[in-house]
Amino acid sequence: MNTNYSDLQITTGLASGDRKIYEFVFRKYYIPLCRFCLKFVRVEEVSEEVVQEVFVYIWERRAAIEFTSSLQAYLYAAVKNRSINYIRSQVTREQHLAAYTERQDLVVSPKQDHVDREELIILVRQAIDSLPDKCKHIFSLSRDAGLTYQEIAHELGISPKTVEAQMSIALKKLRSFVGAHKDLILFWTLVICLL
């Protein structure tokens, strides 16, 4: 395998979908990027996931990406941004859980004591997992990563109106899912915390 590609050959090759160049870039940068990411996320498996997501994103958007700086600078910036988004999503989840726990203390009646908190969390995850892939991804970027509609639109290369429409679909489907489990009052409370 050629190990002397120029920056221009690499960026041109990536844009045209050259798998050999993509594989070359992956092999060259994957491990260093994982080590870099690990400094932010502190969990090896997560660092690997983040770096893999960056490489998938580059492949899927290869024709649209403009490398204004070097490929190496782009890769490290992309991994850093996704690491920060991951950390934000973890903080957001912890905030949701804290809000849920606080609301549960206010809402639970003696008849509801038997409802298992973990069961409710599983139901919420099921509700989110039942969304179409595009809706779920956009919902996650909005609610877990804390991105604005404008930031999501920029990240995914779509219009803010499309983001808004997909969020509307996601919320409608989640409310419908909740309606099917309305006997679980705590589930309503948890969804309110998430939405």
N, C-alpha and C. Protein backbone atom coordinates (compact mmCIF):
# COMPACT_ATOMS: atom_id res chain seq x y z
N MET A 1 0.85 -1.19 0.00
CA MET A 1 0.00 0.00 0.00
C MET A 1 0.89 1.24 0.00
N ASN A 2 0.51 2.22 -0.83
CA ASN A 2 1.26 3.47 -0.92
C ASN A 2 1.22 4.20 0.42
N THR A 3 2.39 4.61 0.89
CA THR A 3 2.42 5.35 2.16
C THR A 3 2.88 6.78 1.93
N ASN A 4 2.92 7.20 0.66
CA ASN A 4 3.43 8.53 0.35
C ASN A 4 2.40 9.36 -0.42
N TYR A 5 1.15 9.24 -0.06
CA TYR A 5 0.13 10.07 -0.70
C TYR A 5 0.33 11.53 -0.27
N SER A 6 0.16 12.44 -1.21
CA SER A 6 0.19 13.86 -0.86
C SER A 6 -1.17 14.24 -0.26
N ASP A 7 -1.22 15.38 0.43
CA ASP A 7 -2.49 15.86 1.00
C ASP A 7 -3.54 16.01 -0.10
N LEU A 8 -3.11 16.53 -1.24
CA LEU A 8 -4.05 16.73 -2.35
C LEU A 8 -4.59 15.39 -2.86
N GLN A 9 -3.70 14.40 -3.00
CA GLN A 9 -4.14 13.06 -3.42
C GLN A 9 -5.15 12.48 -2.43
N ILE A 10 -4.88 12.68 -1.15
CA ILE A 10 -5.76 12.13 -0.12
C ILE A 10 -7.13 12.79 -0.16
N THR A 11 -7.16 14.12 -0.14
CA THR A 11 -8.46 14.82 -0.12
C THR A 11 -9.23 14.59 -1.41
N THR A 12 -8.53 14.57 -2.55
CA THR A 12 -9.19 14.30 -3.83
C THR A 12 -9.69 12.86 -3.86
N GLY A 13 -8.86 11.94 -3.37
CA GLY A 13 -9.24 10.53 -3.34
C GLY A 13 -10.44 10.27 -2.44
N LEU A 14 -10.45 10.92 -1.27
CA LEU A 14 -11.60 10.77 -0.36
C LEU A 14 -12.87 11.29 -1.01
N ALA A 15 -12.77 12.47 -1.63
CA ALA A 15 -13.94 13.08 -2.26
C ALA A 15 -14.51 12.20 -3.38
N SER A 16 -13.62 11.49 -4.07
CA SER A 16 -14.09 10.65 -5.19
C SER A 16 -14.47 9.23 -4.75
N GLY A 17 -14.30 8.94 -3.45
CA GLY A 17 -14.70 7.62 -2.94
C GLY A 17 -13.66 6.54 -3.13
N ASP A 18 -12.39 6.93 -3.22
CA ASP A 18 -11.31 5.96 -3.38
C ASP A 18 -11.13 5.18 -2.07
N ARG A 19 -11.52 3.89 -2.09
CA ARG A 19 -11.48 3.08 -0.87
C ARG A 19 -10.06 2.83 -0.36
N LYS A 20 -9.10 2.75 -1.27
CA LYS A 20 -7.71 2.52 -0.85
C LYS A 20 -7.20 3.71 -0.04
N ILE A 21 -7.51 4.89 -0.50
CA ILE A 21 -7.08 6.09 0.23
C ILE A 21 -7.82 6.20 1.55
N TYR A 22 -9.11 5.89 1.53
CA TYR A 22 -9.89 5.91 2.78
C TYR A 22 -9.29 4.93 3.79
N GLU A 23 -8.95 3.74 3.32
CA GLU A 23 -8.35 2.73 4.20
C GLU A 23 -6.99 3.20 4.71
N PHE A 24 -6.23 3.84 3.83
CA PHE A 24 -4.92 4.39 4.22
C PHE A 24 -5.09 5.41 5.34
N VAL A 25 -6.04 6.32 5.18
CA VAL A 25 -6.28 7.36 6.19
C VAL A 25 -6.74 6.71 7.50
N PHE A 26 -7.64 5.73 7.40
CA PHE A 26 -8.14 5.05 8.59
C PHE A 26 -7.00 4.39 9.36
N ARG A 27 -6.16 3.63 8.63
CA ARG A 27 -5.06 2.92 9.28
C ARG A 27 -4.04 3.89 9.90
N LYS A 28 -3.83 5.00 9.23
CA LYS A 28 -2.83 5.96 9.71
C LYS A 28 -3.30 6.71 10.96
N TYR A 29 -4.60 7.07 11.00
CA TYR A 29 -5.06 7.97 12.05
C TYR A 29 -5.92 7.33 13.14
N TYR A 30 -6.43 6.13 12.91
CA TYR A 30 -7.40 5.56 13.85
C TYR A 30 -6.85 5.48 15.28
N ILE A 31 -5.72 4.84 15.48
CA ILE A 31 -5.18 4.65 16.84
C ILE A 31 -4.79 5.99 17.48
N PRO A 32 -4.06 6.87 16.77
CA PRO A 32 -3.75 8.17 17.39
C PRO A 32 -5.01 8.97 17.76
N LEU A 33 -6.04 8.90 16.92
CA LEU A 33 -7.27 9.62 17.22
C LEU A 33 -7.98 9.02 18.43
N CYS A 34 -7.94 7.71 18.56
CA CYS A 34 -8.55 7.06 19.73
C CYS A 34 -7.84 7.49 21.01
N ARG A 35 -6.52 7.56 20.96
CA ARG A 35 -5.76 8.02 22.13
C ARG A 35 -6.10 9.46 22.47
N PHE A 36 -6.22 10.29 21.43
CA PHE A 36 -6.57 11.70 21.62
C PHE A 36 -7.96 11.83 22.25
N CYS A 37 -8.90 11.07 21.71
CA CYS A 37 -10.28 11.11 22.19
C CYS A 37 -10.38 10.63 23.64
N LEU A 38 -9.57 9.65 23.99
CA LEU A 38 -9.60 9.06 25.33
C LEU A 38 -9.30 10.11 26.40
N LYS A 39 -8.53 11.12 26.06
CA LYS A 39 -8.23 12.19 27.01
C LYS A 39 -9.49 12.95 27.40
N PHE A 40 -10.48 12.98 26.50
CA PHE A 40 -11.72 13.69 26.77
C PHE A 40 -12.76 12.78 27.44
N VAL A 41 -12.98 11.61 26.84
CA VAL A 41 -14.12 10.78 27.25
C VAL A 41 -13.78 9.78 28.35
N ARG A 42 -12.50 9.47 28.52
CA ARG A 42 -12.01 8.63 29.63
C ARG A 42 -12.41 7.16 29.57
N VAL A 43 -13.12 6.75 28.53
CA VAL A 43 -13.53 5.35 28.40
C VAL A 43 -13.09 4.86 27.02
N GLU A 44 -12.29 3.79 26.99
CA GLU A 44 -11.69 3.33 25.75
C GLU A 44 -12.74 2.98 24.69
N GLU A 45 -13.78 2.24 25.10
CA GLU A 45 -14.81 1.84 24.14
C GLU A 45 -15.50 3.06 23.54
N VAL A 46 -15.74 4.07 24.37
CA VAL A 46 -16.39 5.29 23.88
C VAL A 46 -15.48 6.02 22.91
N SER A 47 -14.19 6.07 23.22
CA SER A 47 -13.25 6.76 22.32
C SER A 47 -13.24 6.08 20.95
N GLU A 48 -13.29 4.76 20.95
CA GLU A 48 -13.32 4.03 19.68
C GLU A 48 -14.61 4.33 18.91
N GLU A 49 -15.72 4.37 19.62
CA GLU A 49 -17.00 4.69 18.99
C GLU A 49 -16.98 6.07 18.37
N VAL A 50 -16.47 7.04 19.12
CA VAL A 50 -16.43 8.42 18.64
C VAL A 50 -15.60 8.51 17.37
N VAL A 51 -14.42 7.90 17.37
CA VAL A 51 -13.54 7.95 16.20
C VAL A 51 -14.18 7.23 15.02
N GLN A 52 -14.81 6.11 15.27
CA GLN A 52 -15.50 5.40 14.19
C GLN A 52 -16.61 6.25 13.59
N GLU A 53 -17.34 6.97 14.45
CA GLU A 53 -18.40 7.86 13.96
C GLU A 53 -17.83 8.94 13.05
N VAL A 54 -16.67 9.46 13.41
CA VAL A 54 -16.03 10.48 12.57
C VAL A 54 -15.69 9.90 11.21
N PHE A 55 -15.12 8.70 11.18
CA PHE A 55 -14.76 8.09 9.91
C PHE A 55 -16.00 7.75 9.07
N VAL A 56 -17.06 7.30 9.72
CA VAL A 56 -18.30 7.02 8.99
C VAL A 56 -18.85 8.32 8.40
N TYR A 57 -18.82 9.37 9.21
CA TYR A 57 -19.31 10.68 8.74
C TYR A 57 -18.51 11.14 7.52
N ILE A 58 -17.19 11.01 7.59
CA ILE A 58 -16.34 11.43 6.46
C ILE A 58 -16.68 10.63 5.21
N TRP A 59 -16.88 9.33 5.36
CA TRP A 59 -17.20 8.51 4.19
C TRP A 59 -18.57 8.88 3.62
N GLU A 60 -19.55 9.05 4.50
CA GLU A 60 -20.91 9.35 4.03
C GLU A 60 -21.00 10.74 3.40
N ARG A 61 -20.20 11.68 3.88
CA ARG A 61 -20.28 13.06 3.38
C ARG A 61 -19.03 13.44 2.56
N ARG A 62 -18.33 12.43 2.05
CA ARG A 62 -17.03 12.65 1.41
C ARG A 62 -17.09 13.67 0.26
N ALA A 63 -18.17 13.66 -0.50
CA ALA A 63 -18.25 14.56 -1.65
C ALA A 63 -18.53 16.01 -1.23
N ALA A 64 -19.09 16.18 -0.04
CA ALA A 64 -19.49 17.53 0.40
C ALA A 64 -18.47 18.20 1.32
N ILE A 65 -17.61 17.41 1.93
CA ILE A 65 -16.66 17.98 2.90
C ILE A 65 -15.59 18.80 2.19
N GLU A 66 -15.34 19.99 2.71
CA GLU A 66 -14.26 20.83 2.21
C GLU A 66 -13.20 20.92 3.30
N PHE A 67 -12.01 20.47 2.98
CA PHE A 67 -10.92 20.51 3.94
C PHE A 67 -10.22 21.86 3.81
N THR A 68 -10.59 22.79 4.69
CA THR A 68 -10.00 24.14 4.63
C THR A 68 -8.61 24.15 5.24
N SER A 69 -8.32 23.17 6.07
CA SER A 69 -6.97 23.03 6.62
C SER A 69 -6.48 21.64 6.23
N SER A 70 -5.46 21.14 6.89
CA SER A 70 -4.96 19.81 6.57
C SER A 70 -5.97 18.74 7.01
N LEU A 71 -5.88 17.59 6.40
CA LEU A 71 -6.75 16.47 6.77
C LEU A 71 -6.55 16.13 8.25
N GLN A 72 -5.30 16.12 8.69
CA GLN A 72 -5.00 15.79 10.09
C GLN A 72 -5.69 16.77 11.03
N ALA A 73 -5.60 18.06 10.74
CA ALA A 73 -6.25 19.07 11.57
C ALA A 73 -7.76 18.87 11.57
N TYR A 74 -8.32 18.54 10.41
CA TYR A 74 -9.76 18.31 10.30
C TYR A 74 -10.17 17.12 11.19
N LEU A 75 -9.43 16.03 11.10
CA LEU A 75 -9.76 14.83 11.87
C LEU A 75 -9.70 15.09 13.37
N TYR A 76 -8.66 15.75 13.82
CA TYR A 76 -8.53 16.02 15.25
C TYR A 76 -9.62 16.98 15.74
N ALA A 77 -9.95 17.97 14.92
CA ALA A 77 -11.03 18.90 15.30
C ALA A 77 -12.36 18.17 15.36
N ALA A 78 -12.62 17.29 14.38
CA ALA A 78 -13.87 16.54 14.35
C ALA A 78 -14.00 15.62 15.56
N VAL A 79 -12.91 14.95 15.92
CA VAL A 79 -12.93 14.05 17.09
C VAL A 79 -13.13 14.87 18.37
N LYS A 80 -12.46 16.00 18.47
CA LYS A 80 -12.62 16.85 19.65
C LYS A 80 -14.07 17.31 19.79
N ASN A 81 -14.68 17.77 18.68
CA ASN A 81 -16.07 18.24 18.72
C ASN A 81 -17.03 17.13 19.12
N ARG A 82 -16.83 15.94 18.57
CA ARG A 82 -17.72 14.82 18.92
C ARG A 82 -17.50 14.37 20.35
N SER A 83 -16.29 14.48 20.83
CA SER A 83 -16.01 14.15 22.23
C SER A 83 -16.74 15.11 23.16
N ILE A 84 -16.70 16.38 22.82
CA ILE A 84 -17.40 17.39 23.62
C ILE A 84 -18.90 17.14 23.59
N ASN A 85 -19.42 16.79 22.40
CA ASN A 85 -20.86 16.47 22.29
C ASN A 85 -21.23 15.27 23.15
N TYR A 86 -20.34 14.28 23.18
CA TYR A 86 -20.60 13.10 24.01
C TYR A 86 -20.64 13.48 25.49
N ILE A 87 -19.67 14.30 25.91
CA ILE A 87 -19.63 14.72 27.31
C ILE A 87 -20.89 15.51 27.65
N ARG A 88 -21.31 16.41 26.74
CA ARG A 88 -22.55 17.17 26.94
C ARG A 88 -23.74 16.23 27.09
N SER A 89 -23.79 15.21 26.25
CA SER A 89 -24.93 14.29 26.30
C SER A 89 -24.97 13.53 27.62
N GLN A 90 -23.79 13.19 28.16
CA GLN A 90 -23.74 12.51 29.45
C GLN A 90 -24.24 13.43 30.56
N VAL A 91 -23.82 14.69 30.51
CA VAL A 91 -24.27 15.67 31.51
C VAL A 91 -25.78 15.84 31.41
N THR A 92 -26.30 15.93 30.16
CA THR A 92 -27.74 16.10 29.95
C THR A 92 -28.50 14.90 30.51
N ARG A 93 -28.01 13.70 30.28
CA ARG A 93 -28.68 12.49 30.80
C ARG A 93 -28.72 12.54 32.33
N GLU A 94 -27.60 12.93 32.93
CA GLU A 94 -27.57 13.01 34.40
C GLU A 94 -28.56 14.06 34.90
N GLN A 95 -28.69 15.17 34.19
CA GLN A 95 -29.65 16.20 34.58
C GLN A 95 -31.08 15.68 34.47
N HIS A 96 -31.36 14.95 33.36
CA HIS A 96 -32.70 14.37 33.19
C HIS A 96 -33.02 13.39 34.32
N LEU A 97 -32.02 12.57 34.66
CA LEU A 97 -32.24 11.59 35.72
C LEU A 97 -32.49 12.28 37.06
N ALA A 98 -31.72 13.36 37.32
CA ALA A 98 -31.92 14.10 38.56
C ALA A 98 -33.31 14.74 38.59
N ALA A 99 -33.73 15.31 37.45
CA ALA A 99 -35.06 15.93 37.38
C ALA A 99 -36.14 14.87 37.54
N TYR A 100 -35.93 13.71 36.93
CA TYR A 100 -36.90 12.61 37.04
C TYR A 100 -37.04 12.18 38.50
N THR A 101 -35.90 12.00 39.17
CA THR A 101 -35.92 11.58 40.58
C THR A 101 -36.65 12.60 41.44
N GLU A 102 -36.37 13.88 41.19
CA GLU A 102 -37.02 14.95 41.95
C GLU A 102 -38.53 14.94 41.72
N ARG A 103 -38.95 14.79 40.46
CA ARG A 103 -40.39 14.78 40.16
C ARG A 103 -41.06 13.52 40.71
N GLN A 104 -40.33 12.42 40.69
CA GLN A 104 -40.90 11.18 41.20
C GLN A 104 -41.26 11.34 42.67
N ASP A 105 -40.39 12.00 43.42
CA ASP A 105 -40.66 12.21 44.84
C ASP A 105 -41.95 13.00 45.05
N LEU A 106 -42.26 13.90 44.09
CA LEU A 106 -43.45 14.72 44.22
C LEU A 106 -44.72 14.01 43.77
N VAL A 107 -44.58 13.10 42.79
CA VAL A 107 -45.75 12.53 42.13
C VAL A 107 -46.17 11.16 42.66
N VAL A 108 -45.22 10.37 43.14
CA VAL A 108 -45.53 8.98 43.49
C VAL A 108 -46.57 8.90 44.62
N SER A 109 -47.59 8.11 44.38
CA SER A 109 -48.59 7.82 45.41
C SER A 109 -48.34 6.40 45.90
N PRO A 110 -48.96 5.99 47.03
CA PRO A 110 -48.74 4.63 47.54
C PRO A 110 -49.03 3.56 46.49
N LYS A 111 -50.04 3.78 45.63
CA LYS A 111 -50.37 2.78 44.63
C LYS A 111 -49.30 2.66 43.55
N GLN A 112 -48.49 3.70 43.41
CA GLN A 112 -47.48 3.70 42.35
C GLN A 112 -46.12 3.19 42.84
N ASP A 113 -46.02 2.95 44.13
CA ASP A 113 -44.73 2.56 44.67
C ASP A 113 -44.17 1.28 44.04
N HIS A 114 -45.07 0.42 43.53
CA HIS A 114 -44.63 -0.85 42.98
C HIS A 114 -43.97 -0.69 41.61
N VAL A 115 -44.15 0.49 40.99
CA VAL A 115 -43.59 0.68 39.65
C VAL A 115 -42.08 0.83 39.76
N ASP A 116 -41.40 0.03 39.02
CA ASP A 116 -39.94 0.00 39.07
C ASP A 116 -39.37 1.13 38.21
N ARG A 117 -38.50 1.92 38.80
CA ARG A 117 -37.89 3.04 38.07
C ARG A 117 -37.16 2.56 36.82
N GLU A 118 -36.45 1.45 36.93
CA GLU A 118 -35.72 0.94 35.78
C GLU A 118 -36.66 0.57 34.64
N GLU A 119 -37.83 0.05 34.98
CA GLU A 119 -38.82 -0.30 33.97
C GLU A 119 -39.25 0.95 33.20
N LEU A 120 -39.39 2.05 33.91
CA LEU A 120 -39.79 3.30 33.27
C LEU A 120 -38.70 3.81 32.34
N ILE A 121 -37.46 3.70 32.79
CA ILE A 121 -36.35 4.14 31.95
C ILE A 121 -36.29 3.29 30.69
N ILE A 122 -36.52 1.99 30.84
CA ILE A 122 -36.54 1.09 29.69
C ILE A 122 -37.65 1.49 28.71
N LEU A 123 -38.81 1.83 29.25
CA LEU A 123 -39.93 2.26 28.40
C LEU A 123 -39.57 3.52 27.61
N VAL A 124 -38.92 4.46 28.26
CA VAL A 124 -38.53 5.69 27.57
C VAL A 124 -37.54 5.36 26.45
N ARG A 125 -36.58 4.50 26.77
CA ARG A 125 -35.61 4.10 25.73
C ARG A 125 -36.34 3.41 24.57
N GLN A 126 -37.32 2.56 24.89
CA GLN A 126 -38.08 1.88 23.84
C GLN A 126 -38.81 2.90 22.98
N ALA A 127 -39.38 3.90 23.64
CA ALA A 127 -40.10 4.95 22.90
C ALA A 127 -39.15 5.65 21.93
N ILE A 128 -37.98 5.98 22.41
CA ILE A 128 -37.00 6.67 21.55
C ILE A 128 -36.49 5.72 20.46
N ASP A 129 -36.22 4.46 20.83
CA ASP A 129 -35.74 3.48 19.85
C ASP A 129 -36.77 3.16 18.77
N SER A 130 -38.06 3.40 19.09
CA SER A 130 -39.11 3.10 18.10
C SER A 130 -39.20 4.17 17.02
N LEU A 131 -38.50 5.28 17.21
CA LEU A 131 -38.53 6.35 16.20
C LEU A 131 -37.81 5.90 14.93
N PRO A 132 -38.23 6.42 13.78
CA PRO A 132 -37.46 6.16 12.55
C PRO A 132 -36.02 6.66 12.74
N ASP A 133 -35.08 6.05 12.03
CA ASP A 133 -33.66 6.34 12.24
C ASP A 133 -33.34 7.83 12.17
N LYS A 134 -33.87 8.50 11.14
CA LYS A 134 -33.56 9.92 10.96
C LYS A 134 -34.10 10.73 12.14
N CYS A 135 -35.35 10.45 12.52
CA CYS A 135 -35.97 11.14 13.66
C CYS A 135 -35.15 10.91 14.93
N LYS A 136 -34.78 9.66 15.14
CA LYS A 136 -34.06 9.29 16.36
C LYS A 136 -32.72 10.01 16.43
N HIS A 137 -32.02 10.06 15.29
CA HIS A 137 -30.72 10.71 15.26
C HIS A 137 -30.86 12.21 15.55
N ILE A 138 -31.82 12.85 14.92
CA ILE A 138 -32.04 14.28 15.12
C ILE A 138 -32.50 14.55 16.55
N PHE A 139 -33.40 13.70 17.06
CA PHE A 139 -33.88 13.84 18.45
C PHE A 139 -32.71 13.74 19.42
N SER A 140 -31.82 12.77 19.17
CA SER A 140 -30.66 12.56 20.04
C SER A 140 -29.73 13.77 20.01
N LEU A 141 -29.49 14.31 18.81
CA LEU A 141 -28.62 15.49 18.71
C LEU A 141 -29.23 16.68 19.46
N SER A 142 -30.56 16.78 19.41
CA SER A 142 -31.23 17.89 20.09
C SER A 142 -31.27 17.69 21.59
N ARG A 143 -31.75 16.52 22.03
CA ARG A 143 -32.01 16.31 23.45
C ARG A 143 -30.80 15.80 24.22
N ASP A 144 -29.99 14.93 23.60
CA ASP A 144 -28.84 14.38 24.32
C ASP A 144 -27.60 15.26 24.17
N ALA A 145 -27.32 15.69 22.92
CA ALA A 145 -26.13 16.50 22.68
C ALA A 145 -26.38 17.98 22.93
N GLY A 146 -27.66 18.38 23.03
CA GLY A 146 -27.99 19.77 23.33
C GLY A 146 -27.76 20.73 22.18
N LEU A 147 -27.76 20.21 20.94
CA LEU A 147 -27.54 21.08 19.79
C LEU A 147 -28.82 21.83 19.42
N THR A 148 -28.67 23.02 18.87
CA THR A 148 -29.81 23.77 18.37
C THR A 148 -30.21 23.20 17.01
N TYR A 149 -31.40 23.56 16.54
CA TYR A 149 -31.85 23.11 15.22
C TYR A 149 -30.86 23.55 14.15
N GLN A 150 -30.35 24.77 14.30
CA GLN A 150 -29.39 25.31 13.32
C GLN A 150 -28.10 24.47 13.33
N GLU A 151 -27.62 24.12 14.52
CA GLU A 151 -26.39 23.32 14.62
C GLU A 151 -26.60 21.92 14.06
N ILE A 152 -27.78 21.35 14.31
CA ILE A 152 -28.09 20.02 13.76
C ILE A 152 -28.13 20.08 12.25
N ALA A 153 -28.79 21.12 11.73
CA ALA A 153 -28.89 21.28 10.27
C ALA A 153 -27.49 21.36 9.66
N HIS A 154 -26.62 22.14 10.28
CA HIS A 154 -25.25 22.27 9.78
C HIS A 154 -24.51 20.94 9.86
N GLU A 155 -24.65 20.25 10.98
CA GLU A 155 -23.96 18.96 11.20
C GLU A 155 -24.38 17.92 10.17
N LEU A 156 -25.68 17.88 9.85
CA LEU A 156 -26.21 16.84 8.96
C LEU A 156 -26.32 17.29 7.51
N GLY A 157 -26.06 18.57 7.25
CA GLY A 157 -26.16 19.06 5.88
C GLY A 157 -27.59 19.15 5.38
N ILE A 158 -28.51 19.48 6.27
CA ILE A 158 -29.91 19.63 5.89
C ILE A 158 -30.41 21.00 6.36
N SER A 159 -31.62 21.35 5.97
CA SER A 159 -32.14 22.66 6.35
C SER A 159 -32.71 22.63 7.76
N PRO A 160 -32.71 23.79 8.46
CA PRO A 160 -33.32 23.86 9.79
C PRO A 160 -34.80 23.47 9.77
N LYS A 161 -35.49 23.77 8.64
CA LYS A 161 -36.91 23.41 8.51
C LYS A 161 -37.07 21.89 8.54
N THR A 162 -36.14 21.17 7.91
CA THR A 162 -36.18 19.71 7.93
C THR A 162 -35.97 19.19 9.35
N VAL A 163 -35.04 19.82 10.06
CA VAL A 163 -34.80 19.43 11.46
C VAL A 163 -36.07 19.64 12.27
N GLU A 164 -36.69 20.81 12.10
CA GLU A 164 -37.92 21.13 12.82
C GLU A 164 -39.02 20.12 12.52
N ALA A 165 -39.17 19.77 11.23
CA ALA A 165 -40.19 18.80 10.83
C ALA A 165 -39.92 17.43 11.45
N GLN A 166 -38.66 17.00 11.45
CA GLN A 166 -38.31 15.69 12.02
C GLN A 166 -38.52 15.67 13.53
N MET A 167 -38.21 16.79 14.21
CA MET A 167 -38.45 16.87 15.65
C MET A 167 -39.94 16.80 15.95
N SER A 168 -40.74 17.43 15.10
CA SER A 168 -42.19 17.40 15.27
C SER A 168 -42.71 15.97 15.15
N ILE A 169 -42.19 15.24 14.16
CA ILE A 169 -42.57 13.84 13.98
C ILE A 169 -42.15 13.01 15.20
N ALA A 170 -40.92 13.25 15.66
CA ALA A 170 -40.40 12.50 16.81
C ALA A 170 -41.27 12.73 18.04
N LEU A 171 -41.59 13.98 18.33
CA LEU A 171 -42.39 14.29 19.52
C LEU A 171 -43.79 13.70 19.41
N LYS A 172 -44.36 13.74 18.22
CA LYS A 172 -45.70 13.18 18.01
C LYS A 172 -45.69 11.67 18.27
N LYS A 173 -44.67 10.99 17.75
CA LYS A 173 -44.58 9.54 17.94
C LYS A 173 -44.33 9.19 19.40
N LEU A 174 -43.52 10.01 20.09
CA LEU A 174 -43.26 9.75 21.51
C LEU A 174 -44.53 9.93 22.33
N ARG A 175 -45.29 10.98 22.01
CA ARG A 175 -46.56 11.18 22.74
C ARG A 175 -47.52 10.02 22.49
N SER A 176 -47.53 9.53 21.27
CA SER A 176 -48.40 8.39 20.94
C SER A 176 -47.97 7.16 21.73
N PHE A 177 -46.66 6.94 21.83
CA PHE A 177 -46.13 5.80 22.59
C PHE A 177 -46.51 5.94 24.06
N VAL A 178 -46.37 7.16 24.56
CA VAL A 178 -46.73 7.42 25.95
C VAL A 178 -48.21 7.12 26.17
N GLY A 179 -49.05 7.54 25.22
CA GLY A 179 -50.49 7.31 25.34
C GLY A 179 -50.83 5.84 25.47
N ALA A 180 -50.03 5.00 24.83
CA ALA A 180 -50.28 3.56 24.91
C ALA A 180 -49.91 2.98 26.28
N HIS A 181 -49.20 3.78 27.09
CA HIS A 181 -48.78 3.33 28.42
C HIS A 181 -49.26 4.31 29.48
N LYS A 182 -50.44 4.91 29.25
CA LYS A 182 -50.90 5.97 30.14
C LYS A 182 -51.21 5.51 31.55
N ASP A 183 -51.29 4.19 31.74
CA ASP A 183 -51.53 3.70 33.09
C ASP A 183 -50.31 3.92 33.99
N LEU A 184 -49.17 4.20 33.35
CA LEU A 184 -47.95 4.42 34.13
C LEU A 184 -47.73 5.93 34.27
N ILE A 185 -48.26 6.50 35.31
CA ILE A 185 -48.19 7.94 35.51
C ILE A 185 -46.73 8.42 35.59
N LEU A 186 -45.90 7.61 36.19
CA LEU A 186 -44.51 8.01 36.31
C LEU A 186 -43.83 8.10 34.95
N PHE A 187 -44.29 7.27 34.03
CA PHE A 187 -43.72 7.32 32.68
C PHE A 187 -44.00 8.68 32.06
N TRP A 188 -45.20 9.20 32.28
CA TRP A 188 -45.52 10.56 31.81
C TRP A 188 -44.53 11.55 32.38
N THR A 189 -44.25 11.40 33.65
CA THR A 189 -43.36 12.34 34.32
C THR A 189 -41.96 12.28 33.70
N LEU A 190 -41.49 11.06 33.44
CA LEU A 190 -40.16 10.90 32.88
C LEU A 190 -40.10 11.48 31.47
N VAL A 191 -41.12 11.26 30.68
CA VAL A 191 -41.13 11.80 29.32
C VAL A 191 -41.14 13.31 29.34
N ILE A 192 -41.89 13.90 30.28
CA ILE A 192 -41.91 15.36 30.42
C ILE A 192 -40.50 15.86 30.70
N CYS A 193 -39.77 15.12 31.53
CA CYS A 193 -38.38 15.50 31.81
C CYS A 193 -37.53 15.44 30.55
N LEU A 194 -37.77 14.43 29.71
CA LEU A 194 -36.98 14.27 28.49
C LEU A 194 -37.35 15.29 27.43
N LEU A 195 -38.64 15.64 27.37
CA LEU A 195 -39.07 16.55 26.32
C LEU A 195 -38.96 17.98 26.80
